[in-house]
Structure formats: C-alpha cells, structure tokens
Amino acid sequence: GLLEFRAGSAERARVMLEGILKSYPRRTDVMSVYLDAEIKHGDEDSARALFERATRGEHLTARQAKFLFKRWLEFERKVDESGAGVEHVKASAQ
C-alpha cells in the first residue's frame, strides 16, 4: 500500500489500505500508517476525513482514541493557520 502512495497511484494505495482496515478495524497501527501516507501525500482534506473517520470508531479503546486525537491535533497545528481545525479537533474529542 505504501509503495503505491510513493511510486504508483494514490487511489490504488487507498483501496489497498481500506481493504486492510475493513478486515482489521481495530488495528490503529494500520490506521496510523494510512494517516502518515495521506499526510505525506499532501492531501489535507483526505487526511482530515480519515482522522474524522478514525476517531468515530466505536471499537476504539480510550487509549487508542487519545492517540488518534493527539495525532490529529498535531496535524492541525502544523497545517491550519486559522486555528479552526484545532478547535474542531478539541470539540470532537469531548
């Protein structure tokens, strides 16, 4: 999946990673790799949508949710100059 992001089709990589997540929805390590790839690919909207989806999972433990929200907050602090994204993450976390 990651090689597809780097050298091939980002869409094909997304399909592959989505398939893995469908089979293993509780694997936050897979989600984290997918998030890293989206962020490195430079598609902020796709990364935000993936963060939204990842943090809404009912299967998350408190520890997993905290990890994902922390990653999302760090991402927003880097890319969002208005501060609206940071506020959205904080509101979503509550």
Protein backbone atom coordinates (compact mmCIF):
# COMPACT_ATOMS: atom_id res chain seq x y z
CA GLY A 1 0.00 0.00 0.00
CA LEU A 2 2.70 2.49 0.96
CA LEU A 3 4.73 1.87 -2.18
CA GLU A 4 1.66 2.75 -4.20
CA PHE A 5 1.50 6.13 -2.47
CA ARG A 6 5.16 6.80 -3.20
CA ALA A 7 5.58 5.42 -6.69
CA GLY A 8 2.19 4.48 -8.04
CA SER A 9 -1.39 5.52 -7.77
CA ALA A 10 -2.56 7.13 -4.54
CA GLU A 11 -6.07 5.90 -5.28
CA ARG A 12 -4.90 2.32 -5.62
CA ALA A 13 -2.99 2.66 -2.36
CA ARG A 14 -6.14 3.94 -0.64
CA VAL A 15 -8.12 0.94 -1.92
CA MET A 16 -5.49 -1.46 -0.59
CA LEU A 17 -5.30 0.21 2.82
CA GLU A 18 -9.10 0.43 3.06
CA GLY A 19 -9.26 -3.31 2.43
CA ILE A 20 -6.82 -3.98 5.25
CA LEU A 21 -8.79 -1.70 7.59
CA LYS A 22 -12.04 -3.41 6.65
CA SER A 23 -10.51 -6.75 7.65
CA TYR A 24 -8.83 -5.39 10.79
CA PRO A 25 -10.84 -2.37 12.01
CA ARG A 26 -9.24 -2.38 15.47
CA ARG A 27 -5.69 -2.04 14.17
CA THR A 28 -4.75 1.54 14.99
CA ASP A 29 -1.22 0.83 13.78
CA VAL A 30 -2.60 0.26 10.27
CA MET A 31 -4.71 3.42 10.57
CA SER A 32 -1.63 5.32 11.72
CA VAL A 33 0.36 4.16 8.69
CA TYR A 34 -2.54 5.16 6.43
CA LEU A 35 -2.72 8.59 8.09
CA ASP A 36 1.03 9.09 7.67
CA ALA A 37 0.76 8.24 3.99
CA GLU A 38 -2.13 10.68 3.45
CA ILE A 39 -0.27 13.45 5.29
CA LYS A 40 2.94 12.85 3.34
CA HIS A 41 0.98 12.73 0.10
CA GLY A 42 -0.10 16.28 0.92
CA ASP A 43 -3.85 15.89 0.68
CA GLU A 44 -5.05 17.74 3.78
CA ASP A 45 -8.75 17.15 3.08
CA SER A 46 -8.26 13.40 2.72
CA ALA A 47 -6.19 13.33 5.90
CA ARG A 48 -8.88 15.26 7.79
CA ALA A 49 -11.62 12.93 6.54
CA LEU A 50 -9.56 9.93 7.60
CA PHE A 51 -8.94 11.43 11.06
CA GLU A 52 -12.69 12.07 11.39
CA ARG A 53 -13.48 8.50 10.48
CA ALA A 54 -10.75 7.02 12.66
CA THR A 55 -11.82 8.88 15.77
CA ARG A 56 -15.52 8.00 15.37
CA GLY A 57 -14.94 4.26 15.64
CA GLU A 58 -16.92 2.60 18.41
CA HIS A 59 -14.28 -0.10 18.60
CA LEU A 60 -11.64 2.30 19.98
CA THR A 61 -10.30 1.96 23.49
CA ALA A 62 -9.76 5.17 25.44
CA ARG A 63 -6.02 4.82 24.84
CA GLN A 64 -6.44 4.39 21.08
CA ALA A 65 -8.82 7.37 20.88
CA LYS A 66 -6.39 9.54 22.83
CA PHE A 67 -3.54 8.54 20.50
CA LEU A 68 -5.57 9.36 17.36
CA PHE A 69 -6.89 12.68 18.69
CA LYS A 70 -3.36 13.69 19.70
CA ARG A 71 -2.08 12.89 16.19
CA TRP A 72 -4.97 14.84 14.66
CA LEU A 73 -4.31 17.84 16.89
CA GLU A 74 -0.60 17.84 15.93
CA PHE A 75 -1.56 17.66 12.26
CA GLU A 76 -3.96 20.62 12.54
CA ARG A 77 -1.40 22.70 14.41
CA LYS A 78 1.03 22.22 11.53
CA VAL A 79 -1.32 22.86 8.62
CA ASP A 80 -4.13 25.12 9.87
CA GLU A 81 -3.16 28.74 10.34
CA SER A 82 -6.66 29.93 11.24
CA GLY A 83 -6.95 27.73 14.31
CA ALA A 84 -10.38 26.47 13.26
CA GLY A 85 -9.08 22.94 12.73
CA VAL A 86 -7.54 22.84 16.20
CA GLU A 87 -10.84 23.97 17.72
CA HIS A 88 -12.72 21.34 15.71
CA VAL A 89 -10.43 18.58 17.00
CA LYS A 90 -10.85 19.76 20.59
CA ALA A 91 -14.65 19.86 20.21
CA SER A 92 -14.69 16.41 18.60
CA ALA A 93 -12.62 14.94 21.41
CA GLN A 94 -15.23 15.83 24.01
